[in-house]
C-alpha cells in the first residue's frame, strides 16, 4: 500500500518495495535483539557457573544461512522487477528534452516549445531525456519517486506517468555549485484538455494553470511580459533577482544606467550599465565580471530578437 496517494505510476510500486524491506528489517532487528537479550540473561555466569562447550549444530547453521539468503533474494527479485518496469518506457510516451545547467532547468517539448517548469498532461506517459551543460546534476521529483543523475557528455533518461493533478517539486540532488539551493522547478500536472490547448496553441499561448478549472483561459489574464518569460525560461532568475535581493549574481532591479566596477581579465574598470553593456553581458558573460560575484554564468544560445527583448525588459526595471 503506497505511503501517500500515488502521484505517478511509480509511487505505489516504490512505496511497496520500501515497506516490504522496512518491515522485514524491523522484524529481524527485533528478533535478533530479543534473542541477544534472552541469551545474555539465560546464559549469564550467575545462572551457568560451569559453561558447556558447544561445537556444532548443523540444523542451526543451515537455518541461519538459508533463511537470510532467501530473504535477500526475495528483496532482490521484488526490487528488480519494479526497476525493470521503471526502465521500459512505453512507445507512445511524449519525449521531453531536459537540460540542466548551473543553476536552472529547461524543458523542450516535441513541438519546439521551451519552459522553465515542467508541464504534463494527466495520465499521459512521459519520457525525459536528461542532458547537462556543465556539471553533474540530479533530476528528482519526490512525489513521483523518480530520480536520475544528469551527467555531462551523456544522455540519461527516465519515464513516468502522472496520475494526480497538482503542483509538485523538482529538485537537484547533487551539490552543483554555490547556486545549488536555488536549482528548483515545478512540475504542473493538468487535465489533458488544458495541456493540449497550450501544446497545440501558438508559440505565445499562455501556460496551463493546474489550480483552475479552465486553466488556459485563466492564465491568459496573467500572461507575463515576453521579456520576463524569456528570463524565466532561460534560467536567468535563478541567479538574478527582480526585487533587489542578493543571489549568486547581481539583482536586475535598479541597475540599468548605474556605474559599477567590473573585472576584465585581471583589470578592474568602472562601466556604465547601458544597453551595450547588457548585450555584452548576455552574449559573452565571461568577458566582464561584476565585482564581488563569481564568474559562473553560462553562455546562452539566444537569437538577436531574444536579446533585444531581454534588454528592453531589463531597462524597465530601473
C-alpha atoms as a PDB file:
ATOM      1  CA  UNK A   1       0.000   0.000   0.000  1.00  0.00           C
ATOM      2  CA  UNK A   2       1.556   3.383  -1.009  1.00  0.00           C
ATOM      3  CA  UNK A   3       2.589   5.812   1.706  1.00  0.00           C
ATOM      4  CA  UNK A   4       0.578   8.630   0.048  1.00  0.00           C
ATOM      5  CA  UNK A   5      -1.880   8.992  -2.809  1.00  0.00           C
ATOM      6  CA  UNK A   6       0.125   7.858  -5.856  1.00  0.00           C
ATOM      7  CA  UNK A   7       1.214  10.870  -7.893  1.00  0.00           C
ATOM      8  CA  UNK A   8       2.735   8.731 -10.641  1.00  0.00           C
ATOM      9  CA  UNK A   9       2.714   5.190 -11.945  1.00  0.00           C
ATOM     10  CA  UNK A  10       5.843   4.518  -9.837  1.00  0.00           C
ATOM     11  CA  UNK A  11       4.720   5.897  -6.473  1.00  0.00           C
ATOM     12  CA  UNK A  12       2.862   2.813  -5.269  1.00  0.00           C
ATOM     13  CA  UNK A  13       5.481   0.386  -6.596  1.00  0.00           C
ATOM     14  CA  UNK A  14       8.394   2.157  -4.913  1.00  0.00           C
ATOM     15  CA  UNK A  15       6.474   2.544  -1.659  1.00  0.00           C
ATOM     16  CA  UNK A  16       5.551  -1.155  -1.632  1.00  0.00           C
ATOM     17  CA  UNK A  17       9.186  -2.236  -2.082  1.00  0.00           C
ATOM     18  CA  UNK A  18      10.286   0.190   0.622  1.00  0.00           C
ATOM     19  CA  UNK A  19       7.643  -1.035   3.082  1.00  0.00           C
ATOM     20  CA  UNK A  20       8.471  -4.681   2.336  1.00  0.00           C
ATOM     21  CA  UNK A  21      12.179  -4.206   3.052  1.00  0.00           C
ATOM     22  CA  UNK A  22      11.478  -1.966   6.048  1.00  0.00           C
ATOM     23  CA  UNK A  23       9.050  -4.479   7.586  1.00  0.00           C
ATOM     24  CA  UNK A  24      11.445  -7.416   7.164  1.00  0.00           C
ATOM     25  CA  UNK A  25      14.301  -5.360   8.585  1.00  0.00           C
ATOM     26  CA  UNK A  26      12.203  -4.320  11.603  1.00  0.00           C
ATOM     27  CA  UNK A  27      11.111  -7.918  12.278  1.00  0.00           C
ATOM     28  CA  UNK A  28      14.674  -9.225  12.195  1.00  0.00           C
ATOM     29  CA  UNK A  29      16.015  -6.306  14.214  1.00  0.00           C
ATOM     30  CA  UNK A  30      13.514  -7.023  16.971  1.00  0.00           C
ATOM     31  CA  UNK A  31      14.045 -10.776  16.690  1.00  0.00           C
ATOM     32  CA  UNK A  32      17.842 -10.623  16.838  1.00  0.00           C
ATOM     33  CA  UNK A  33      17.830  -8.021  19.623  1.00  0.00           C
ATOM     34  CA  UNK A  34      15.348 -10.098  21.638  1.00  0.00           C
ATOM     35  CA  UNK A  35      17.434 -13.238  21.138  1.00  0.00           C
ATOM     36  CA  UNK A  36      20.600 -11.473  22.310  1.00  0.00           C
ATOM     37  CA  UNK A  37      18.851 -10.188  25.435  1.00  0.00           C
ATOM     38  CA  UNK A  38      17.452 -13.689  26.143  1.00  0.00           C
ATOM     39  CA  UNK A  39      20.880 -15.347  25.842  1.00  0.00           C
ATOM     40  CA  UNK A  40      22.542 -12.657  27.976  1.00  0.00           C
ATOM     41  CA  UNK A  41      20.082 -13.376  30.782  1.00  0.00           C
ATOM     42  CA  UNK A  42      19.589 -17.107  30.293  1.00  0.00           C
ATOM     43  CA  UNK A  43      23.274 -17.999  29.989  1.00  0.00           C
ATOM     44  CA  UNK A  44      24.804 -15.437  32.321  1.00  0.00           C
ATOM     45  CA  UNK A  45      27.697 -16.503  34.595  1.00  0.00           C
ATOM     46  CA  UNK A  46      25.364 -16.367  37.588  1.00  0.00           C
ATOM     47  CA  UNK A  47      22.957 -18.896  36.045  1.00  0.00           C
ATOM     48  CA  UNK A  48      25.662 -21.052  34.416  1.00  0.00           C
ATOM     49  CA  UNK A  49      28.804 -21.125  36.585  1.00  0.00           C
ATOM     50  CA  UNK A  50      30.088 -24.133  34.609  1.00  0.00           C
ATOM     51  CA  UNK A  51      29.739 -23.339  30.892  1.00  0.00           C
ATOM     52  CA  UNK A  52      29.290 -26.081  28.303  1.00  0.00           C
ATOM     53  CA  UNK A  53      31.382 -26.027  25.127  1.00  0.00           C
ATOM     54  CA  UNK A  54      29.034 -26.268  22.086  1.00  0.00           C
ATOM     55  CA  UNK A  55      30.986 -27.274  18.979  1.00  0.00           C
ATOM     56  CA  UNK A  56      28.355 -27.526  16.241  1.00  0.00           C
ATOM     57  CA  UNK A  57      24.667 -27.581  15.381  1.00  0.00           C
ATOM     58  CA  UNK A  58      24.066 -28.492  11.748  1.00  0.00           C
ATOM     59  CA  UNK A  59      20.371 -27.594  11.680  1.00  0.00           C
ATOM     60  CA  UNK A  60      21.024 -24.177  13.220  1.00  0.00           C
ATOM     61  CA  UNK A  61      23.873 -23.447  10.798  1.00  0.00           C
ATOM     62  CA  UNK A  62      21.734 -24.374   7.799  1.00  0.00           C
ATOM     63  CA  UNK A  63      18.864 -22.241   9.092  1.00  0.00           C
ATOM     64  CA  UNK A  64      20.903 -19.085   9.630  1.00  0.00           C
ATOM     65  CA  UNK A  65      22.497 -19.498   6.198  1.00  0.00           C
ATOM     66  CA  UNK A  66      19.453 -20.411   4.093  1.00  0.00           C
ATOM     67  CA  UNK A  67      16.908 -18.075   5.737  1.00  0.00           C
ATOM     68  CA  UNK A  68      18.819 -14.803   5.189  1.00  0.00           C
ATOM     69  CA  UNK A  69      19.704 -15.917   1.642  1.00  0.00           C
ATOM     70  CA  UNK A  70      16.047 -16.483   0.751  1.00  0.00           C
ATOM     71  CA  UNK A  71      15.039 -13.178   2.318  1.00  0.00           C
ATOM     72  CA  UNK A  72      17.752 -11.344   0.405  1.00  0.00           C
ATOM     73  CA  UNK A  73      16.699 -12.985  -2.865  1.00  0.00           C
ATOM     74  CA  UNK A  74      13.063 -12.026  -2.257  1.00  0.00           C
ATOM     75  CA  UNK A  75      14.141  -8.380  -1.777  1.00  0.00           C
ATOM     76  CA  UNK A  76      16.247  -8.541  -4.929  1.00  0.00           C
ATOM     77  CA  UNK A  77      13.512 -10.070  -7.104  1.00  0.00           C
ATOM     78  CA  UNK A  78      10.833  -7.704  -5.792  1.00  0.00           C
ATOM     79  CA  UNK A  79      13.059  -4.662  -6.340  1.00  0.00           C
ATOM     80  CA  UNK A  80      14.429  -5.840  -9.702  1.00  0.00           C
ATOM     81  CA  UNK A  81      11.026  -6.487 -11.274  1.00  0.00           C
ATOM     82  CA  UNK A  82       9.876  -2.994 -10.330  1.00  0.00           C
ATOM     83  CA  UNK A  83      13.163  -1.489 -11.521  1.00  0.00           C
ATOM     84  CA  UNK A  84      12.669  -3.170 -14.915  1.00  0.00           C
ATOM     85  CA  UNK A  85       9.234  -1.568 -15.156  1.00  0.00           C
ATOM     86  CA  UNK A  86      10.794   1.847 -14.431  1.00  0.00           C
ATOM     87  CA  UNK A  87      13.339   1.416 -17.255  1.00  0.00           C
ATOM     88  CA  UNK A  88      10.939   0.334 -20.018  1.00  0.00           C
ATOM     89  CA  UNK A  89       9.225   3.456 -21.323  1.00  0.00           C
ATOM     90  CA  UNK A  90       6.019   2.990 -23.351  1.00  0.00           C
ATOM     91  CA  UNK A  91       6.384   3.590 -27.081  1.00  0.00           C
ATOM     92  CA  UNK A  92       3.695   6.273 -27.050  1.00  0.00           C
ATOM     93  CA  UNK A  93       5.387   8.311 -24.279  1.00  0.00           C
ATOM     94  CA  UNK A  94       5.907  12.001 -25.047  1.00  0.00           C
ATOM     95  CA  UNK A  95       9.655  12.690 -25.261  1.00  0.00           C
ATOM     96  CA  UNK A  96      10.781  15.875 -23.477  1.00  0.00           C
ATOM     97  CA  UNK A  97      14.392  17.060 -23.557  1.00  0.00           C
ATOM     98  CA  UNK A  98      15.532  18.265 -20.138  1.00  0.00           C
ATOM     99  CA  UNK A  99      18.606  20.472 -19.876  1.00  0.00           C
ATOM    100  CA  UNK A 100      20.297  21.093 -16.529  1.00  0.00           C
ATOM    101  CA  UNK A 101      22.749  23.940 -16.050  1.00  0.00           C
ATOM    102  CA  UNK A 102      24.111  25.952 -13.159  1.00  0.00           C
ATOM    103  CA  UNK A 103      21.548  26.612 -11.756  1.00  0.00           C
ATOM    104  CA  UNK A 104      18.315  26.076 -13.615  1.00  0.00           C
ATOM    105  CA  UNK A 105      16.259  23.604 -15.609  1.00  0.00           C
ATOM    106  CA  UNK A 106      14.762  23.943 -19.069  1.00  0.00           C
ATOM    107  CA  UNK A 107      12.281  21.644 -20.789  1.00  0.00           C
ATOM    108  CA  UNK A 108      11.920  21.375 -24.565  1.00  0.00           C
ATOM    109  CA  UNK A 109       8.805  19.696 -25.937  1.00  0.00           C
ATOM    110  CA  UNK A 110       8.477  17.870 -29.276  1.00  0.00           C
ATOM    111  CA  UNK A 111       6.746  20.919 -30.810  1.00  0.00           C
ATOM    112  CA  UNK A 112       9.735  23.138 -30.003  1.00  0.00           C
ATOM    113  CA  UNK A 113       8.257  24.998 -27.020  1.00  0.00           C
ATOM    114  CA  UNK A 114      10.631  25.612 -24.112  1.00  0.00           C
ATOM    115  CA  UNK A 115       9.653  26.206 -20.472  1.00  0.00           C
ATOM    116  CA  UNK A 116      11.462  26.609 -17.159  1.00  0.00           C
ATOM    117  CA  UNK A 117       8.901  24.413 -15.348  1.00  0.00           C
ATOM    118  CA  UNK A 118       7.629  21.019 -16.465  1.00  0.00           C
ATOM    119  CA  UNK A 119       4.039  20.833 -17.731  1.00  0.00           C
ATOM    120  CA  UNK A 120       2.406  17.414 -18.052  1.00  0.00           C
ATOM    121  CA  UNK A 121      -0.965  16.014 -19.057  1.00  0.00           C
ATOM    122  CA  UNK A 122      -2.727  13.803 -16.543  1.00  0.00           C
ATOM    123  CA  UNK A 123      -2.408  10.054 -17.256  1.00  0.00           C
ATOM    124  CA  UNK A 124      -0.129  10.577 -20.254  1.00  0.00           C
ATOM    125  CA  UNK A 125       3.274   8.794 -20.102  1.00  0.00           C
ATOM    126  CA  UNK A 126       6.345  10.973 -20.489  1.00  0.00           C
ATOM    127  CA  UNK A 127       9.954  10.084 -21.237  1.00  0.00           C
ATOM    128  CA  UNK A 128      12.530  12.706 -20.261  1.00  0.00           C
ATOM    129  CA  UNK A 129      15.956  12.784 -21.915  1.00  0.00           C
ATOM    130  CA  UNK A 130      18.389  14.308 -19.445  1.00  0.00           C
ATOM    131  CA  UNK A 131      21.335  16.485 -20.524  1.00  0.00           C
ATOM    132  CA  UNK A 132      23.803  18.612 -18.544  1.00  0.00           C
ATOM    133  CA  UNK A 133      25.614  21.655 -19.915  1.00  0.00           C
ATOM    134  CA  UNK A 134      28.252  21.769 -17.186  1.00  0.00           C
ATOM    135  CA  UNK A 135      28.496  19.515 -14.094  1.00  0.00           C
ATOM    136  CA  UNK A 136      26.627  16.532 -12.649  1.00  0.00           C
ATOM    137  CA  UNK A 137      23.094  17.329 -11.515  1.00  0.00           C
ATOM    138  CA  UNK A 138      20.301  15.167 -10.104  1.00  0.00           C
ATOM    139  CA  UNK A 139      16.781  15.071 -11.582  1.00  0.00           C
ATOM    140  CA  UNK A 140      14.444  14.285  -8.687  1.00  0.00           C
ATOM    141  CA  UNK A 141      10.656  14.530  -8.337  1.00  0.00           C
ATOM    142  CA  UNK A 142       9.976  13.213  -4.816  1.00  0.00           C
ATOM    143  CA  UNK A 143       6.215  12.682  -5.174  1.00  0.00           C
ATOM    144  CA  UNK A 144       6.755  10.740  -8.409  1.00  0.00           C
ATOM    145  CA  UNK A 145       9.505   8.578  -6.810  1.00  0.00           C
ATOM    146  CA  UNK A 146      11.721   9.425  -9.786  1.00  0.00           C
ATOM    147  CA  UNK A 147      15.447  10.186  -9.504  1.00  0.00           C
ATOM    148  CA  UNK A 148      18.142  10.064 -12.172  1.00  0.00           C
ATOM    149  CA  UNK A 149      21.628  11.564 -12.461  1.00  0.00           C
ATOM    150  CA  UNK A 150      22.186  14.168 -15.180  1.00  0.00           C
ATOM    151  CA  UNK A 151      25.758  13.692 -16.386  1.00  0.00           C
ATOM    152  CA  UNK A 152      27.667  15.961 -18.810  1.00  0.00           C
ATOM    153  CA  UNK A 153      28.522  14.237 -22.086  1.00  0.00           C
ATOM    154  CA  UNK A 154      25.894  11.527 -21.543  1.00  0.00           C
ATOM    155  CA  UNK A 155      22.140  11.313 -22.100  1.00  0.00           C
ATOM    156  CA  UNK A 156      20.270   9.574 -19.292  1.00  0.00           C
ATOM    157  CA  UNK A 157      16.536   9.051 -19.278  1.00  0.00           C
ATOM    158  CA  UNK A 158      13.584   8.414 -17.027  1.00  0.00           C
ATOM    159  CA  UNK A 159       9.890   7.922 -17.647  1.00  0.00           C
ATOM    160  CA  UNK A 160       6.750   8.207 -15.599  1.00  0.00           C
ATOM    161  CA  UNK A 161       3.015   8.684 -15.928  1.00  0.00           C
ATOM    162  CA  UNK A 162       1.475  11.398 -13.731  1.00  0.00           C
ATOM    163  CA  UNK A 163      -1.692  10.188 -12.042  1.00  0.00           C
ATOM    164  CA  UNK A 164      -2.575  13.091  -9.766  1.00  0.00           C
ATOM    165  CA  UNK A 165      -3.484  16.679 -10.662  1.00  0.00           C
ATOM    166  CA  UNK A 166      -1.483  19.358  -8.893  1.00  0.00           C
ATOM    167  CA  UNK A 167       1.878  21.025  -8.455  1.00  0.00           C
ATOM    168  CA  UNK A 168       4.978  19.069  -7.445  1.00  0.00           C
ATOM    169  CA  UNK A 169       8.597  19.961  -6.661  1.00  0.00           C
ATOM    170  CA  UNK A 170      11.515  19.149  -8.924  1.00  0.00           C
ATOM    171  CA  UNK A 171      14.906  19.319  -7.233  1.00  0.00           C
ATOM    172  CA  UNK A 172      18.587  18.883  -7.985  1.00  0.00           C
ATOM    173  CA  UNK A 173      20.056  16.271  -5.636  1.00  0.00           C
ATOM    174  CA  UNK A 174      23.739  16.908  -6.391  1.00  0.00           C
ATOM    175  CA  UNK A 175      25.661  19.818  -4.854  1.00  0.00           C
ATOM    176  CA  UNK A 176      26.485  21.507  -8.156  1.00  0.00           C
ATOM    177  CA  UNK A 177      27.904  24.866  -7.027  1.00  0.00           C
ATOM    178  CA  UNK A 178      27.049  27.942  -4.923  1.00  0.00           C
ATOM    179  CA  UNK A 179      23.595  28.273  -6.513  1.00  0.00           C
ATOM    180  CA  UNK A 180      22.592  24.646  -5.907  1.00  0.00           C
ATOM    181  CA  UNK A 181      19.913  25.550  -3.350  1.00  0.00           C
ATOM    182  CA  UNK A 182      18.124  27.669  -5.957  1.00  0.00           C
ATOM    183  CA  UNK A 183      18.075  24.950  -8.634  1.00  0.00           C
ATOM    184  CA  UNK A 184      14.397  24.226  -8.236  1.00  0.00           C
ATOM    185  CA  UNK A 185      11.497  23.882 -10.640  1.00  0.00           C
ATOM    186  CA  UNK A 186       7.845  22.911 -10.519  1.00  0.00           C
ATOM    187  CA  UNK A 187       6.000  20.064 -12.188  1.00  0.00           C
ATOM    188  CA  UNK A 188       2.460  21.029 -13.148  1.00  0.00           C
ATOM    189  CA  UNK A 189       0.071  18.179 -13.896  1.00  0.00           C
ATOM    190  CA  UNK A 190      -3.024  19.493 -15.686  1.00  0.00           C
ATOM    191  CA  UNK A 191      -6.055  17.962 -17.407  1.00  0.00           C
ATOM    192  CA  UNK A 192      -5.274  16.663 -20.885  1.00  0.00           C
ATOM    193  CA  UNK A 193      -7.671  19.157 -22.476  1.00  0.00           C
ATOM    194  CA  UNK A 194      -5.847  22.126 -20.948  1.00  0.00           C
ATOM    195  CA  UNK A 195      -2.460  20.689 -21.866  1.00  0.00           C
ATOM    196  CA  UNK A 196      -3.491  20.227 -25.496  1.00  0.00           C
ATOM    197  CA  UNK A 197      -4.806  23.803 -25.699  1.00  0.00           C
ATOM    198  CA  UNK A 198      -1.394  25.074 -24.689  1.00  0.00           C
ATOM    199  CA  UNK A 199       0.679  22.491 -26.544  1.00  0.00           C
ATOM    200  CA  UNK A 200      -1.076  22.863 -29.894  1.00  0.00           C
ATOM    201  CA  UNK A 201      -1.652  26.589 -29.483  1.00  0.00           C
ATOM    202  CA  UNK A 202       0.511  29.414 -30.861  1.00  0.00           C
ATOM    203  CA  UNK A 203       4.068  29.988 -29.624  1.00  0.00           C
ATOM    204  CA  UNK A 204       2.908  32.667 -27.170  1.00  0.00           C
ATOM    205  CA  UNK A 205      -0.046  30.655 -25.847  1.00  0.00           C
ATOM    206  CA  UNK A 206      -0.443  31.067 -22.067  1.00  0.00           C
ATOM    207  CA  UNK A 207       0.858  28.247 -19.910  1.00  0.00           C
ATOM    208  CA  UNK A 208      -1.757  25.946 -18.355  1.00  0.00           C
ATOM    209  CA  UNK A 209      -2.580  26.529 -14.708  1.00  0.00           C
ATOM    210  CA  UNK A 210      -3.489  23.414 -12.677  1.00  0.00           C
ATOM    211  CA  UNK A 211      -5.232  25.481  -9.988  1.00  0.00           C
ATOM    212  CA  UNK A 212      -8.124  26.476 -12.248  1.00  0.00           C
ATOM    213  CA  UNK A 213     -10.929  24.602 -13.942  1.00  0.00           C
ATOM    214  CA  UNK A 214     -10.317  26.332 -17.249  1.00  0.00           C
ATOM    215  CA  UNK A 215      -6.612  26.849 -16.871  1.00  0.00           C
ATOM    216  CA  UNK A 216      -5.692  28.286 -20.243  1.00  0.00           C
ATOM    217  CA  UNK A 217      -8.411  30.920 -20.122  1.00  0.00           C
ATOM    218  CA  UNK A 218      -7.467  31.937 -16.577  1.00  0.00           C
ATOM    219  CA  UNK A 219      -3.739  32.079 -17.340  1.00  0.00           C
ATOM    220  CA  UNK A 220      -4.407  34.428 -20.258  1.00  0.00           C
ATOM    221  CA  UNK A 221      -5.315  37.178 -17.810  1.00  0.00           C
ATOM    222  CA  UNK A 222      -1.968  36.765 -16.015  1.00  0.00           C
ATOM    223  CA  UNK A 223       0.265  36.349 -19.048  1.00  0.00           C
ATOM    224  CA  UNK A 224       3.766  37.643 -18.143  1.00  0.00           C
ATOM    225  CA  UNK A 225       5.668  40.091 -20.373  1.00  0.00           C
ATOM    226  CA  UNK A 226       7.654  38.362 -23.114  1.00  0.00           C
ATOM    227  CA  UNK A 227      10.950  39.635 -21.650  1.00  0.00           C
ATOM    228  CA  UNK A 228      10.113  38.232 -18.222  1.00  0.00           C
ATOM    229  CA  UNK A 229       9.070  34.911 -19.765  1.00  0.00           C
ATOM    230  CA  UNK A 230      12.435  34.712 -21.570  1.00  0.00           C
ATOM    231  CA  UNK A 231      14.341  35.401 -18.348  1.00  0.00           C
ATOM    232  CA  UNK A 232      12.371  32.662 -16.591  1.00  0.00           C
ATOM    233  CA  UNK A 233      12.683  30.107 -19.387  1.00  0.00           C
ATOM    234  CA  UNK A 234      16.433  30.663 -19.775  1.00  0.00           C
ATOM    235  CA  UNK A 235      17.033  30.262 -16.042  1.00  0.00           C
ATOM    236  CA  UNK A 236      18.259  33.844 -15.508  1.00  0.00           C
ATOM    237  CA  UNK A 237      16.056  34.380 -12.455  1.00  0.00           C
ATOM    238  CA  UNK A 238      17.737  31.513 -10.633  1.00  0.00           C
ATOM    239  CA  UNK A 239      20.807  33.691 -10.056  1.00  0.00           C
ATOM    240  CA  UNK A 240      19.425  37.227 -10.554  1.00  0.00           C
ATOM    241  CA  UNK A 241      16.510  38.659  -8.581  1.00  0.00           C
ATOM    242  CA  UNK A 242      13.926  41.219  -9.704  1.00  0.00           C
ATOM    243  CA  UNK A 243      13.347  42.716  -6.250  1.00  0.00           C
ATOM    244  CA  UNK A 244      16.857  43.778  -5.201  1.00  0.00           C
ATOM    245  CA  UNK A 245      17.586  40.728  -3.050  1.00  0.00           C
ATOM    246  CA  UNK A 246      21.059  39.163  -3.162  1.00  0.00           C
ATOM    247  CA  UNK A 247      21.669  35.931  -5.029  1.00  0.00           C
ATOM    248  CA  UNK A 248      24.576  34.288  -6.812  1.00  0.00           C
ATOM    249  CA  UNK A 249      24.533  37.101  -9.378  1.00  0.00           C
ATOM    250  CA  UNK A 250      23.645  40.810  -9.054  1.00  0.00           C
ATOM    251  CA  UNK A 251      19.984  41.830  -8.990  1.00  0.00           C
ATOM    252  CA  UNK A 252      18.331  43.238 -12.101  1.00  0.00           C
ATOM    253  CA  UNK A 253      16.354  45.823 -10.168  1.00  0.00           C
ATOM    254  CA  UNK A 254      17.571  49.409 -10.408  1.00  0.00           C
ATOM    255  CA  UNK A 255      20.888  48.614 -12.102  1.00  0.00           C
ATOM    256  CA  UNK A 256      20.291  49.981 -15.605  1.00  0.00           C
ATOM    257  CA  UNK A 257      22.083  53.279 -16.105  1.00  0.00           C
ATOM    258  CA  UNK A 258      24.206  52.970 -12.963  1.00  0.00           C
ATOM    259  CA  UNK A 259      28.001  52.786 -12.779  1.00  0.00           C
ATOM    260  CA  UNK A 260      29.601  49.659 -11.379  1.00  0.00           C
ATOM    261  CA  UNK A 261      33.055  48.119 -11.198  1.00  0.00           C
ATOM    262  CA  UNK A 262      33.667  45.077 -13.394  1.00  0.00           C
ATOM    263  CA  UNK A 263      36.676  42.827 -13.876  1.00  0.00           C
ATOM    264  CA  UNK A 264      38.014  42.482 -17.411  1.00  0.00           C
ATOM    265  CA  UNK A 265      40.756  39.899 -17.403  1.00  0.00           C
ATOM    266  CA  UNK A 266      42.755  40.858 -14.327  1.00  0.00           C
ATOM    267  CA  UNK A 267      41.862  44.562 -14.505  1.00  0.00           C
ATOM    268  CA  UNK A 268      39.074  46.405 -12.732  1.00  0.00           C
ATOM    269  CA  UNK A 269      37.203  49.131 -14.573  1.00  0.00           C
ATOM    270  CA  UNK A 270      34.081  51.187 -13.993  1.00  0.00           C
ATOM    271  CA  UNK A 271      31.386  50.614 -16.596  1.00  0.00           C
ATOM    272  CA  UNK A 272      28.050  52.237 -17.321  1.00  0.00           C
ATOM    273  CA  UNK A 273      25.300  49.617 -17.304  1.00  0.00           C
ATOM    274  CA  UNK A 274      23.673  50.677 -20.558  1.00  0.00           C
ATOM    275  CA  UNK A 275      22.223  48.754 -23.496  1.00  0.00           C
ATOM    276  CA  UNK A 276      25.634  47.930 -24.909  1.00  0.00           C
ATOM    277  CA  UNK A 277      26.800  46.546 -21.553  1.00  0.00           C
ATOM    278  CA  UNK A 278      23.732  44.375 -21.130  1.00  0.00           C
ATOM    279  CA  UNK A 279      24.146  42.956 -24.630  1.00  0.00           C
ATOM    280  CA  UNK A 280      27.777  42.104 -23.933  1.00  0.00           C
ATOM    281  CA  UNK A 281      26.872  40.558 -20.570  1.00  0.00           C
ATOM    282  CA  UNK A 282      24.195  38.370 -22.157  1.00  0.00           C
ATOM    283  CA  UNK A 283      26.162  37.257 -25.215  1.00  0.00           C
ATOM    284  CA  UNK A 284      29.608  36.902 -23.584  1.00  0.00           C
ATOM    285  CA  UNK A 285      29.070  36.626 -19.810  1.00  0.00           C
ATOM    286  CA  UNK A 286      32.680  35.696 -19.037  1.00  0.00           C
ATOM    287  CA  UNK A 287      34.224  38.815 -20.568  1.00  0.00           C
ATOM    288  CA  UNK A 288      33.171  41.330 -17.910  1.00  0.00           C
ATOM    289  CA  UNK A 289      32.500  40.058 -14.387  1.00  0.00           C
ATOM    290  CA  UNK A 290      30.682  42.239 -11.868  1.00  0.00           C
ATOM    291  CA  UNK A 291      32.977  42.811  -8.891  1.00  0.00           C
ATOM    292  CA  UNK A 292      32.126  40.628  -5.917  1.00  0.00           C
ATOM    293  CA  UNK A 293      30.374  37.913  -7.929  1.00  0.00           C
ATOM    294  CA  UNK A 294      31.698  34.545  -9.187  1.00  0.00           C
ATOM    295  CA  UNK A 295      32.249  34.041 -12.964  1.00  0.00           C
ATOM    296  CA  UNK A 296      29.685  31.262 -13.263  1.00  0.00           C
ATOM    297  CA  UNK A 297      27.149  32.485 -15.830  1.00  0.00           C
ATOM    298  CA  UNK A 298      26.958  30.120 -18.828  1.00  0.00           C
ATOM    299  CA  UNK A 299      26.682  31.272 -22.427  1.00  0.00           C
ATOM    300  CA  UNK A 300      23.104  31.254 -23.677  1.00  0.00           C
ATOM    301  CA  UNK A 301      22.119  30.304 -27.192  1.00  0.00           C
ATOM    302  CA  UNK A 302      19.940  33.344 -27.982  1.00  0.00           C
ATOM    303  CA  UNK A 303      18.923  34.906 -31.261  1.00  0.00           C
ATOM    304  CA  UNK A 304      19.151  38.723 -31.745  1.00  0.00           C
ATOM    305  CA  UNK A 305      15.416  39.202 -31.216  1.00  0.00           C
ATOM    306  CA  UNK A 306      15.534  37.413 -27.850  1.00  0.00           C
ATOM    307  CA  UNK A 307      18.484  39.578 -26.748  1.00  0.00           C
ATOM    308  CA  UNK A 308      16.586  42.749 -27.759  1.00  0.00           C
ATOM    309  CA  UNK A 309      13.533  41.588 -25.827  1.00  0.00           C
ATOM    310  CA  UNK A 310      15.557  40.829 -22.692  1.00  0.00           C
ATOM    311  CA  UNK A 311      17.390  44.165 -22.763  1.00  0.00           C
ATOM    312  CA  UNK A 312      14.148  46.092 -23.294  1.00  0.00           C
ATOM    313  CA  UNK A 313      12.595  44.405 -20.274  1.00  0.00           C
ATOM    314  CA  UNK A 314      15.662  44.972 -18.072  1.00  0.00           C
ATOM    315  CA  UNK A 315      15.605  48.689 -18.897  1.00  0.00           C
ATOM    316  CA  UNK A 316      12.119  48.936 -17.433  1.00  0.00           C
ATOM    317  CA  UNK A 317      13.269  47.554 -14.075  1.00  0.00           C
ATOM    318  CA  UNK A 318      15.330  50.628 -13.210  1.00  0.00           C
END
